[in-house]
Amino acid sequence: MWLERLPTDRIERQFSRTEIETRPRVVVSDIKSALRLVAVNEPASKLDLAPGLALIDARAMYPNILVEHADEAADRQLLSGIVDWTNRYTPLVGADAPHGMMLDITGCAHLFGGEDAMLRDVVRRLRAQGFIVRAAIASTPGAAWAVAHYGKPGVIVPSAIRETLLPLPLAALRIDTETVDALARVGLKRIADIVDRPRAPLAARFGTLLVQRLDQAFGRLSETITPRMPVAPYMAERRFPEPIVLESDILATIEHLASELARRMEERGDGARALQVTLFRVDGAVRRLSVATSRPLRDPRVLCRLFSERFSVLSDELDPGFGFDVVRLAVTNADSMVADQVQFLSPGEQNEDIADLIDRLGARFGIRRVIRYVPQETHIPEYAVEAVAAREVQTMPKLKTEAPAQDSVAPVRPLRMFERPEAIEAVAEVPDGPPARFSWRRMQHQVTRADGPERIAMEWWRDGEGRPLTRDYFRVEDNAGRRFWLYREGLLGPEVDRTRWFMHGLFA
């Protein structure tokens, strides 16, 4: 598909159709130190104004033309939105800059009544949105591009590709202007002039791209379309003859589609780890919402509940406008899912509840914002746990650790531990007595009770100089009943004549 007047269409969509049809408008850009036309609307084209003409010459012929400056960023954004909209016809859609797009409709045309009906529907809908579009369907991307830009738009059957392409100019092969001009200087102007010529001389004189594009157009060389978005491994959609507007109807549709995807995933032993729902509005707007899970899921009710949570915290309202006529649900990331053996009083029930909570919080606030602390293989307090995304915990290798029994002598850790210990001033009996008083954050604390020390030797690689920095931890209580977790760093000896004290945590 080719939006031949995209820059002017973007500007004129805000005006009435009568004004558009009567006022010649051009879009200009600074090219080679001069303002030149890069796009014209239909009234201007009827005046023989064309891209490439200098603005000063155009105004000399028609002083009353409307002039707008090019905005390539706005054109790209608009093209991106149109590509999203055409995703309703096929998931394999790629932008063909600057003003076109390619759709791979293999296996999709029958859903719209055949290729002719599908082509008419696309063109009709885009024209209703204010775009001038030329579209063609062919068995090769090169042939479709050539016909859409230089031929008669429509459906070209494979047997008619040769006779359709032969009369077209060489620019229809998607080659640069310099090559087209070089071919014209030797009398080669149309595809018919080179189609049966020997390949080697053409490639030697005009480059291999010319031969490559020729073979692609006629199907002798394969060509792929790079979709704008990756194709999901599982996808289902539902189309409505009458658009839906209620959130309850959208959620019911999502659950129905999730049931269909669940059957497919069960056949392959997969479960969903990330899903995306795409809502196509009748006026061309497209809305996408994504959720992620902490474990592979297939239950349609659970998946629907995640989207319900997502809808409830949208920063902007889910504006249905005149309604959504297509709802698509895709599993963008799937993982292997092994069925669990059902047991009475299964110890895994609690883990399932936690995983469900993680998924619901992730749907509301973003799955990356839900974290879990995972034990690490170290005895150093500040490195004993690591905060990771909760959904990643399911895929991490589990450490071989056991929870301490109720009568265990495992050390007690504070409820609040500082990320970085804070330096304090302390008075203590040497060489290894507990602190008698200390100053922290400009406040003096008199110690009434102390328990310790708990000696921890740091790994040598933690210090830049390779020194084993020994710590003596104490649990202390001051005269106001506040309890602290602090430590003394270093041991007095021939090489160390002074130790340092740090506050590392607070008890309740």
Protein backbone atom coordinates (compact mmCIF):
# COMPACT_ATOMS: atom_id res chain seq x y z
CA MET A 1 0.00 0.00 0.00
CA TRP A 2 1.20 3.49 -0.85
CA LEU A 3 -0.11 6.68 0.78
CA GLU A 4 0.97 8.91 -2.05
CA ARG A 5 -0.13 12.15 -0.38
CA LEU A 6 0.59 11.37 3.27
CA PRO A 7 2.16 14.79 4.19
CA THR A 8 -0.77 16.76 2.76
CA ASP A 9 -3.32 14.25 4.06
CA ARG A 10 -1.91 14.68 7.56
CA ILE A 11 -2.43 18.45 7.35
CA GLU A 12 -5.82 18.40 5.62
CA ARG A 13 -7.55 15.89 7.88
CA GLN A 14 -8.51 18.81 10.12
CA PHE A 15 -10.31 20.66 7.32
CA SER A 16 -13.64 20.06 5.64
CA ARG A 17 -13.76 17.99 2.46
CA THR A 18 -15.03 20.97 0.41
CA GLU A 19 -12.07 23.12 1.38
CA ILE A 20 -9.63 20.31 0.63
CA GLU A 21 -11.02 19.71 -2.83
CA THR A 22 -10.75 23.38 -3.88
CA ARG A 23 -7.53 24.68 -2.32
CA PRO A 24 -4.16 23.66 -3.86
CA ARG A 25 -1.68 22.90 -1.08
CA VAL A 26 2.01 22.00 -1.24
CA VAL A 27 4.53 20.82 1.33
CA VAL A 28 8.08 22.14 0.96
CA SER A 29 11.47 21.29 2.40
CA ASP A 30 14.96 22.78 2.14
CA ILE A 31 16.74 20.72 -0.54
CA LYS A 32 20.09 21.81 -1.97
CA SER A 33 19.83 25.33 -0.52
CA ALA A 34 16.35 25.92 -1.99
CA LEU A 35 12.78 25.30 -0.91
CA ARG A 36 11.36 22.57 -3.10
CA LEU A 37 8.05 20.76 -3.22
CA VAL A 38 8.08 17.34 -1.55
CA ALA A 39 4.33 16.68 -1.61
CA VAL A 40 1.22 18.16 -3.23
CA ASN A 41 -2.48 17.57 -2.73
CA GLU A 42 -4.84 16.56 -5.50
CA PRO A 43 -5.93 20.11 -6.54
CA ALA A 44 -2.26 21.10 -6.78
CA SER A 45 -1.41 18.04 -8.88
CA LYS A 46 -4.14 19.06 -11.34
CA LEU A 47 -2.21 22.30 -11.81
CA ASP A 48 0.82 20.24 -12.89
CA LEU A 49 2.66 20.95 -9.65
CA ALA A 50 4.84 17.99 -8.69
CA PRO A 51 7.47 17.12 -6.08
CA GLY A 52 10.92 18.45 -6.95
CA LEU A 53 9.73 21.77 -8.31
CA ALA A 54 11.20 24.88 -6.70
CA LEU A 55 8.75 26.81 -4.56
CA ILE A 56 9.69 30.10 -6.24
CA ASP A 57 8.70 28.63 -9.62
CA ALA A 58 5.44 27.22 -8.25
CA ARG A 59 4.48 30.59 -6.77
CA ALA A 60 5.40 32.34 -9.98
CA MET A 61 2.80 30.22 -11.77
CA TYR A 62 0.19 30.12 -8.99
CA PRO A 63 0.64 32.87 -6.35
CA ASN A 64 -2.32 31.70 -4.23
CA ILE A 65 -1.18 28.17 -3.43
CA LEU A 66 -1.08 27.19 0.26
CA VAL A 67 2.41 26.33 1.50
CA GLU A 68 3.29 24.13 4.50
CA HIS A 69 6.71 23.09 5.74
CA ALA A 70 7.54 19.40 5.92
CA ASP A 71 7.46 17.62 9.27
CA GLU A 72 9.07 14.23 8.75
CA ALA A 73 8.74 13.24 12.41
CA ALA A 74 4.98 13.81 12.31
CA ASP A 75 4.74 11.85 9.05
CA ARG A 76 6.63 8.92 10.57
CA GLN A 77 4.40 8.96 13.64
CA LEU A 78 1.27 9.00 11.49
CA LEU A 79 2.59 6.16 9.30
CA SER A 80 3.35 4.16 12.44
CA GLY A 81 -0.23 4.62 13.59
CA ILE A 82 -1.58 3.49 10.22
CA VAL A 83 0.67 0.41 10.32
CA ASP A 84 -0.79 -0.40 13.75
CA TRP A 85 -4.28 -0.01 12.33
CA THR A 86 -3.61 -2.35 9.38
CA ASN A 87 -2.54 -4.95 11.92
CA ARG A 88 -6.25 -5.79 12.09
CA TYR A 89 -5.89 -7.56 8.73
CA THR A 90 -2.68 -9.49 9.38
CA PRO A 91 0.00 -9.57 12.09
CA LEU A 92 2.71 -9.45 9.41
CA VAL A 93 2.81 -5.72 8.65
CA GLY A 94 5.96 -3.74 7.97
CA ALA A 95 6.47 -0.05 7.25
CA ASP A 96 7.84 0.85 3.82
CA ALA A 97 9.24 4.32 4.47
CA PRO A 98 8.54 7.03 3.84
CA HIS A 99 4.86 6.68 2.86
CA GLY A 100 4.07 3.02 2.37
CA MET A 101 3.63 -0.34 4.06
CA MET A 102 3.79 -4.02 3.19
CA LEU A 103 1.25 -6.60 4.36
CA ASP A 104 1.71 -10.36 4.13
CA ILE A 105 -1.89 -11.57 3.82
CA THR A 106 -1.09 -15.23 3.25
CA GLY A 107 -3.89 -17.25 4.84
CA CYS A 108 -5.82 -14.10 5.89
CA ALA A 109 -7.77 -13.01 2.81
CA HIS A 110 -10.53 -15.60 3.22
CA LEU A 111 -11.49 -13.98 6.53
CA PHE A 112 -12.58 -10.88 4.61
CA GLY A 113 -14.32 -12.55 1.69
CA GLY A 114 -11.31 -12.98 -0.58
CA GLU A 115 -8.51 -10.77 -1.88
CA ASP A 116 -10.73 -8.40 -3.87
CA ALA A 117 -13.09 -7.81 -0.95
CA MET A 118 -10.16 -7.38 1.43
CA LEU A 119 -8.51 -4.81 -0.85
CA ARG A 120 -11.72 -2.84 -1.21
CA ASP A 121 -12.26 -2.86 2.55
CA VAL A 122 -8.75 -1.55 3.29
CA VAL A 123 -8.99 1.24 0.72
CA ARG A 124 -12.52 2.21 1.77
CA ARG A 125 -11.63 2.46 5.44
CA LEU A 126 -8.45 4.47 4.84
CA ARG A 127 -10.22 6.88 2.51
CA ALA A 128 -12.93 7.36 5.13
CA GLN A 129 -10.15 8.45 7.51
CA GLY A 130 -8.94 11.06 5.02
CA PHE A 131 -6.09 9.28 3.23
CA ILE A 132 -5.42 8.90 -0.49
CA VAL A 133 -4.21 5.33 -0.89
CA ARG A 134 -3.08 3.11 -3.76
CA ALA A 135 -2.99 -0.60 -3.02
CA ALA A 136 -2.20 -3.77 -4.95
CA ILE A 137 -2.11 -7.47 -4.15
CA ALA A 138 0.42 -9.74 -5.87
CA SER A 139 2.29 -12.94 -5.23
CA THR A 140 5.58 -11.07 -4.70
CA PRO A 141 6.27 -7.93 -2.64
CA GLY A 142 8.19 -6.40 -5.54
CA ALA A 143 5.31 -6.78 -7.97
CA ALA A 144 2.79 -5.38 -5.47
CA TRP A 145 5.03 -2.37 -4.79
CA ALA A 146 5.52 -1.68 -8.50
CA VAL A 147 1.81 -1.80 -9.32
CA ALA A 148 0.79 0.26 -6.30
CA HIS A 149 3.24 3.04 -7.25
CA TYR A 150 3.20 2.99 -11.06
CA GLY A 151 0.47 0.67 -12.31
CA LYS A 152 -3.26 0.19 -12.04
CA PRO A 153 -4.12 -0.78 -8.43
CA GLY A 154 -5.92 -4.05 -7.90
CA VAL A 155 -5.30 -7.78 -7.55
CA ILE A 156 -2.69 -9.26 -9.90
CA VAL A 157 -2.91 -13.02 -10.33
CA PRO A 158 0.44 -14.86 -10.65
CA SER A 159 -0.09 -15.64 -14.33
CA ALA A 160 -0.53 -11.94 -15.14
CA ILE A 161 2.52 -10.58 -13.33
CA ARG A 162 4.76 -10.50 -16.39
CA GLU A 163 2.36 -8.65 -18.68
CA THR A 164 1.50 -6.25 -15.83
CA LEU A 165 5.11 -5.34 -15.03
CA LEU A 166 6.58 -5.07 -18.54
CA PRO A 167 5.08 -1.64 -19.46
CA LEU A 168 6.01 -0.06 -16.10
CA PRO A 169 9.00 2.34 -15.79
CA LEU A 170 12.25 1.07 -14.33
CA ALA A 171 11.70 3.13 -11.18
CA ALA A 172 9.04 0.54 -10.31
CA LEU A 173 11.87 -1.86 -9.46
CA ARG A 174 12.75 0.17 -6.32
CA ILE A 175 16.13 1.33 -7.57
CA ASP A 176 17.69 4.73 -6.92
CA THR A 177 17.26 7.75 -9.18
CA GLU A 178 20.88 7.72 -10.33
CA THR A 179 20.54 4.18 -11.69
CA VAL A 180 17.25 5.07 -13.41
CA ASP A 181 18.91 8.07 -15.08
CA ALA A 182 21.91 5.98 -16.13
CA LEU A 183 19.63 3.38 -17.73
CA ALA A 184 17.64 6.11 -19.50
CA ARG A 185 20.79 7.55 -21.08
CA VAL A 186 21.34 4.27 -22.91
CA GLY A 187 17.69 3.99 -23.98
CA LEU A 188 16.46 1.61 -21.26
CA LYS A 189 13.33 3.14 -19.73
CA ARG A 190 10.87 0.34 -19.05
CA ILE A 191 11.03 -3.08 -17.42
CA ALA A 192 10.38 -4.65 -20.83
CA ASP A 193 13.67 -3.17 -22.05
CA ILE A 194 15.79 -5.20 -19.60
CA VAL A 195 13.72 -8.24 -18.59
CA ASP A 196 15.21 -10.55 -21.23
CA ARG A 197 18.70 -9.07 -21.39
CA PRO A 198 21.70 -11.04 -20.07
CA ARG A 199 22.13 -10.52 -16.32
CA ALA A 200 25.92 -10.29 -16.18
CA PRO A 201 26.34 -7.14 -18.33
CA LEU A 202 23.50 -5.39 -16.49
CA ALA A 203 25.00 -6.18 -13.09
CA ALA A 204 28.50 -5.17 -14.20
CA ARG A 205 27.38 -1.78 -15.50
CA PHE A 206 24.47 -0.80 -13.26
CA GLY A 207 25.05 -2.80 -10.10
CA THR A 208 23.76 -6.07 -8.68
CA LEU A 209 20.79 -4.37 -6.98
CA LEU A 210 19.11 -3.86 -10.36
CA VAL A 211 19.25 -7.57 -11.15
CA GLN A 212 18.20 -8.49 -7.61
CA ARG A 213 15.13 -6.23 -7.72
CA LEU A 214 14.17 -7.58 -11.14
CA ASP A 215 14.32 -11.18 -9.94
CA GLN A 216 12.39 -10.33 -6.76
CA ALA A 217 9.60 -8.67 -8.73
CA PHE A 218 9.15 -11.71 -10.98
CA GLY A 219 9.44 -14.21 -8.14
CA ARG A 220 12.75 -15.72 -9.18
CA LEU A 221 14.31 -14.56 -5.91
CA SER A 222 12.53 -14.77 -2.56
CA GLU A 223 11.90 -11.65 -0.49
CA THR A 224 10.67 -11.45 3.08
CA ILE A 225 8.72 -8.75 4.91
CA THR A 226 10.12 -7.60 8.23
CA PRO A 227 7.09 -7.05 10.49
CA ARG A 228 7.03 -3.99 12.70
CA MET A 229 6.17 -6.17 15.69
CA PRO A 230 7.28 -9.77 16.30
CA VAL A 231 4.70 -12.42 15.57
CA ALA A 232 3.27 -13.95 18.73
CA PRO A 233 3.47 -17.76 19.12
CA TYR A 234 -0.24 -17.88 20.04
CA MET A 235 -2.92 -15.50 18.86
CA ALA A 236 -6.72 -15.35 18.70
CA GLU A 237 -9.12 -12.58 17.76
CA ARG A 238 -12.80 -11.84 17.53
CA ARG A 239 -14.57 -9.46 15.13
CA PHE A 240 -17.88 -7.83 15.88
CA PRO A 241 -20.53 -6.76 13.36
CA GLU A 242 -21.56 -4.13 15.94
CA PRO A 243 -18.74 -2.48 17.96
CA ILE A 244 -18.58 -3.06 21.72
CA VAL A 245 -18.03 -0.26 24.23
CA LEU A 246 -18.48 -1.75 27.72
CA GLU A 247 -15.48 -2.93 29.73
CA SER A 248 -17.45 -5.99 30.86
CA ASP A 249 -17.93 -7.02 27.21
CA ILE A 250 -14.21 -6.56 26.55
CA LEU A 251 -13.28 -8.72 29.55
CA ALA A 252 -15.78 -11.40 28.53
CA THR A 253 -14.23 -11.44 25.07
CA ILE A 254 -10.74 -11.71 26.55
CA GLU A 255 -11.79 -14.70 28.66
CA HIS A 256 -13.34 -16.37 25.60
CA LEU A 257 -10.15 -15.83 23.58
CA ALA A 258 -8.03 -17.02 26.52
CA SER A 259 -10.01 -20.28 26.54
CA GLU A 260 -9.18 -20.79 22.88
CA LEU A 261 -5.49 -20.08 23.45
CA ALA A 262 -5.45 -22.36 26.51
CA ARG A 263 -6.47 -25.33 24.36
CA ARG A 264 -3.70 -24.61 21.87
CA MET A 265 -1.07 -24.17 24.59
CA GLU A 266 -2.17 -27.36 26.36
CA GLU A 267 -1.62 -29.34 23.17
CA ARG A 268 2.01 -28.16 23.08
CA GLY A 269 2.62 -28.20 26.82
CA ASP A 270 3.09 -24.43 27.07
CA GLY A 271 1.83 -21.71 29.37
CA ALA A 272 1.62 -17.94 29.00
CA ARG A 273 4.28 -15.76 30.62
CA ALA A 274 3.32 -12.49 28.87
CA LEU A 275 0.14 -11.51 27.08
CA GLN A 276 -1.08 -8.54 25.09
CA VAL A 277 -4.60 -7.52 24.18
CA THR A 278 -5.06 -5.25 21.15
CA LEU A 279 -8.26 -3.23 20.82
CA PHE A 280 -9.06 -1.84 17.37
CA ARG A 281 -11.42 1.12 17.43
CA VAL A 282 -13.72 1.76 14.47
CA ASP A 283 -12.19 5.20 13.86
CA GLY A 284 -8.70 3.72 13.38
CA ALA A 285 -7.27 4.17 16.88
CA VAL A 286 -5.44 1.14 18.33
CA ARG A 287 -4.90 0.42 22.02
CA ARG A 288 -2.53 -2.25 23.36
CA LEU A 289 -2.36 -3.45 26.96
CA SER A 290 0.12 -6.01 28.27
CA VAL A 291 0.41 -8.15 31.39
CA ALA A 292 3.09 -10.58 32.56
CA THR A 293 3.00 -13.55 34.92
CA SER A 294 5.41 -14.98 37.47
CA ARG A 295 4.77 -18.53 36.22
CA PRO A 296 3.30 -20.17 33.12
CA LEU A 297 -0.49 -19.90 33.15
CA ARG A 298 -3.35 -21.30 31.09
CA ASP A 299 -6.42 -20.70 33.27
CA PRO A 300 -8.70 -18.30 31.30
CA ARG A 301 -10.29 -16.90 34.46
CA VAL A 302 -6.92 -16.05 35.99
CA LEU A 303 -5.71 -14.43 32.77
CA CYS A 304 -8.91 -12.41 32.48
CA ARG A 305 -8.54 -11.26 36.11
CA LEU A 306 -5.05 -9.94 35.33
CA PHE A 307 -6.44 -7.75 32.54
CA SER A 308 -9.22 -6.61 34.85
CA GLU A 309 -6.57 -5.44 37.30
CA ARG A 310 -4.74 -3.75 34.43
CA PHE A 311 -7.85 -1.88 33.31
CA SER A 312 -8.52 -0.63 36.85
CA VAL A 313 -5.24 1.28 37.11
CA LEU A 314 -4.97 2.84 33.66
CA SER A 315 -3.58 6.37 33.90
CA ASP A 316 -6.03 7.41 31.18
CA GLU A 317 -9.48 6.07 30.59
CA LEU A 318 -10.01 3.29 28.08
CA ASP A 319 -11.91 5.54 25.71
CA PRO A 320 -13.96 3.30 23.39
CA GLY A 321 -15.05 6.18 21.15
CA PHE A 322 -17.64 4.66 18.81
CA GLY A 323 -16.60 1.20 19.97
CA PHE A 324 -14.10 -1.58 19.29
CA ASP A 325 -14.85 -3.86 16.36
CA VAL A 326 -11.84 -6.18 16.73
CA VAL A 327 -10.33 -7.61 19.93
CA ARG A 328 -7.12 -9.63 19.64
CA LEU A 329 -5.37 -11.58 22.41
CA ALA A 330 -1.79 -12.73 21.88
CA VAL A 331 0.64 -14.70 24.01
CA THR A 332 3.84 -12.77 23.37
CA ASN A 333 5.97 -15.03 25.57
CA ALA A 334 5.28 -18.70 26.29
CA ASP A 335 7.14 -21.16 28.48
CA SER A 336 7.02 -24.88 29.07
CA MET A 337 4.31 -25.84 31.58
CA VAL A 338 4.29 -29.25 33.20
CA ALA A 339 1.03 -30.37 34.77
CA ASP A 340 1.28 -30.81 38.57
CA GLN A 341 0.15 -33.97 40.33
CA VAL A 342 -2.95 -33.13 42.38
CA GLN A 343 -2.56 -34.06 46.07
CA PHE A 344 -4.63 -33.58 49.18
CA LEU A 345 -3.24 -30.87 51.46
CA SER A 346 -0.61 -30.06 48.87
CA PRO A 347 2.24 -27.94 50.31
CA GLY A 348 2.34 -26.05 47.00
CA GLU A 349 -1.03 -24.38 47.55
CA GLN A 350 0.56 -21.55 49.51
CA ASN A 351 3.11 -20.97 46.72
CA GLU A 352 0.26 -20.78 44.20
CA ASP A 353 -1.42 -18.09 46.29
CA ILE A 354 1.80 -16.08 46.44
CA ALA A 355 2.32 -16.43 42.69
CA ASP A 356 -1.25 -15.26 42.09
CA LEU A 357 -0.65 -12.22 44.33
CA ILE A 358 2.54 -11.40 42.40
CA ASP A 359 0.66 -11.57 39.09
CA ARG A 360 -2.14 -9.28 40.33
CA LEU A 361 0.31 -6.73 41.74
CA GLY A 362 2.31 -6.92 38.52
CA ALA A 363 -0.80 -6.25 36.44
CA ARG A 364 -1.53 -3.15 38.52
CA PHE A 365 1.92 -1.65 38.96
CA GLY A 366 4.12 -3.40 36.40
CA ILE A 367 5.69 -6.81 36.87
CA ARG A 368 9.18 -5.32 37.13
CA ARG A 369 8.14 -3.27 40.16
CA VAL A 370 7.23 -6.35 42.19
CA ILE A 371 10.42 -7.66 43.75
CA ARG A 372 11.32 -10.56 45.99
CA TYR A 373 14.37 -11.12 48.15
CA VAL A 374 16.30 -14.22 47.17
CA PRO A 375 18.89 -15.80 49.52
CA GLN A 376 22.47 -15.76 48.31
CA GLU A 377 25.32 -18.10 49.14
CA THR A 378 27.18 -15.78 51.51
CA HIS A 379 27.19 -15.10 55.27
CA ILE A 380 27.84 -11.36 54.89
CA PRO A 381 24.60 -9.64 56.07
CA GLU A 382 24.34 -6.98 53.36
CA TYR A 383 24.97 -9.55 50.63
CA ALA A 384 22.86 -12.39 52.09
CA VAL A 385 19.82 -11.52 49.97
CA GLU A 386 19.33 -9.93 46.56
CA ALA A 387 16.25 -8.06 45.33
CA VAL A 388 15.15 -9.41 41.96
CA ALA A 389 11.97 -9.19 39.90
CA ALA A 390 9.47 -11.57 41.45
CA ARG A 391 8.61 -13.22 38.12
CA GLU A 392 12.28 -14.19 37.66
CA VAL A 393 12.43 -16.11 40.93
CA GLN A 394 10.51 -18.99 39.37
CA THR A 395 13.24 -19.54 36.79
CA MET A 396 16.27 -19.11 39.09
CA PRO A 397 18.04 -22.18 40.48
CA LYS A 398 16.99 -22.81 44.08
CA LEU A 399 19.65 -22.75 46.79
CA LYS A 400 20.02 -25.83 48.93
CA THR A 401 19.11 -24.15 52.20
CA GLU A 402 16.80 -25.26 54.95
CA ALA A 403 14.77 -23.07 57.24
CA PRO A 404 16.06 -23.15 60.84
CA ALA A 405 13.98 -25.00 63.40
CA GLN A 406 12.16 -23.18 66.16
CA ASP A 407 14.93 -23.96 68.67
CA SER A 408 17.71 -23.08 66.23
CA VAL A 409 20.63 -20.98 67.40
CA ALA A 410 20.77 -19.18 64.05
CA PRO A 411 21.65 -15.49 64.50
CA VAL A 412 18.80 -13.00 64.75
CA ARG A 413 18.70 -10.28 62.14
CA PRO A 414 16.96 -6.89 62.48
CA LEU A 415 13.69 -6.10 60.72
CA ARG A 416 15.25 -3.06 59.08
CA MET A 417 18.78 -3.38 57.74
CA PHE A 418 20.52 -0.41 56.15
CA GLU A 419 21.70 -0.80 52.59
CA ARG A 420 25.00 0.79 53.66
CA PRO A 421 26.19 0.75 57.29
CA GLU A 422 26.44 4.22 58.86
CA ALA A 423 29.51 5.28 60.84
CA ILE A 424 29.02 5.99 64.58
CA GLU A 425 31.20 7.06 67.49
CA ALA A 426 31.26 4.48 70.31
CA VAL A 427 32.96 4.00 73.68
CA ALA A 428 33.68 0.35 74.53
CA GLU A 429 35.96 -1.76 76.65
CA VAL A 430 39.03 -2.92 74.74
CA PRO A 431 39.88 -5.20 73.11
CA ASP A 432 36.46 -6.75 72.30
CA GLY A 433 33.89 -5.51 74.83
CA PRO A 434 30.39 -4.29 73.91
CA PRO A 435 29.74 -0.55 73.52
CA ALA A 436 28.87 1.40 76.67
CA ARG A 437 27.50 4.38 74.79
CA PHE A 438 27.51 5.62 71.21
CA SER A 439 26.62 8.66 69.11
CA TRP A 440 24.54 8.19 65.98
CA ARG A 441 23.05 10.96 63.83
CA ARG A 442 24.08 13.59 66.42
CA MET A 443 22.25 11.82 69.24
CA GLN A 444 23.82 10.18 72.28
CA HIS A 445 22.61 6.72 73.34
CA GLN A 446 23.41 5.10 76.67
CA VAL A 447 23.59 1.30 76.37
CA THR A 448 21.78 -0.62 79.11
CA ARG A 449 21.84 -4.11 77.61
CA ALA A 450 24.09 -5.78 75.03
CA ASP A 451 24.31 -9.21 73.48
CA GLY A 452 27.32 -10.38 71.48
CA PRO A 453 29.69 -10.41 69.88
CA GLU A 454 28.77 -12.35 66.74
CA ARG A 455 32.03 -12.44 64.82
CA ILE A 456 31.89 -12.41 61.01
CA ALA A 457 34.98 -12.41 58.85
CA MET A 458 34.50 -10.71 55.52
CA GLU A 459 35.62 -12.38 52.31
CA TRP A 460 39.02 -11.08 51.32
CA TRP A 461 37.83 -10.03 47.86
CA ARG A 462 35.34 -7.54 49.37
CA ASP A 463 38.21 -5.20 50.27
CA GLY A 464 40.22 -3.50 47.57
CA GLU A 465 43.51 -4.30 49.33
CA GLY A 466 42.67 -7.93 50.04
CA ARG A 467 42.36 -7.49 53.86
CA PRO A 468 39.99 -9.76 55.82
CA LEU A 469 37.88 -7.11 57.56
CA THR A 470 36.56 -8.83 60.69
CA ARG A 471 33.34 -7.60 62.24
CA ASP A 472 32.00 -8.05 65.78
CA TYR A 473 28.20 -7.56 65.80
CA PHE A 474 26.24 -6.57 68.93
CA ARG A 475 22.52 -6.33 69.66
CA VAL A 476 22.17 -3.44 72.08
CA GLU A 477 19.33 -1.61 73.87
CA ASP A 478 19.55 1.97 75.08
CA ASN A 479 17.95 3.56 78.16
CA ALA A 480 14.85 4.50 76.09
CA GLY A 481 14.18 0.89 75.08
CA ARG A 482 15.35 1.28 71.47
CA ARG A 483 17.26 -1.67 70.06
CA PHE A 484 20.07 -1.45 67.52
CA TRP A 485 22.33 -3.74 65.56
CA LEU A 486 25.85 -2.39 65.32
CA TYR A 487 29.33 -3.73 64.82
CA ARG A 488 32.98 -3.03 65.38
CA GLU A 489 35.22 -3.37 62.34
CA GLY A 490 38.77 -4.60 62.79
CA LEU A 491 40.70 -6.29 65.58
CA LEU A 492 43.29 -4.50 67.69
CA GLY A 493 46.78 -5.78 67.04
CA PRO A 494 50.29 -4.85 65.95
CA GLU A 495 49.04 -3.51 62.61
CA VAL A 496 45.72 -2.06 63.84
CA ASP A 497 45.68 0.49 66.67
CA ARG A 498 42.11 1.74 66.19
CA THR A 499 38.79 0.14 65.37
CA ARG A 500 35.70 1.68 63.77
CA TRP A 501 32.04 1.32 64.70
CA PHE A 502 29.03 1.19 62.36
CA MET A 503 25.24 1.07 62.69
CA HIS A 504 23.80 -1.64 60.45
CA GLY A 505 20.15 -2.09 61.43
CA LEU A 506 17.23 -1.46 63.76
CA PHE A 507 15.03 -3.89 65.63
CA ALA A 508 11.33 -3.25 66.19
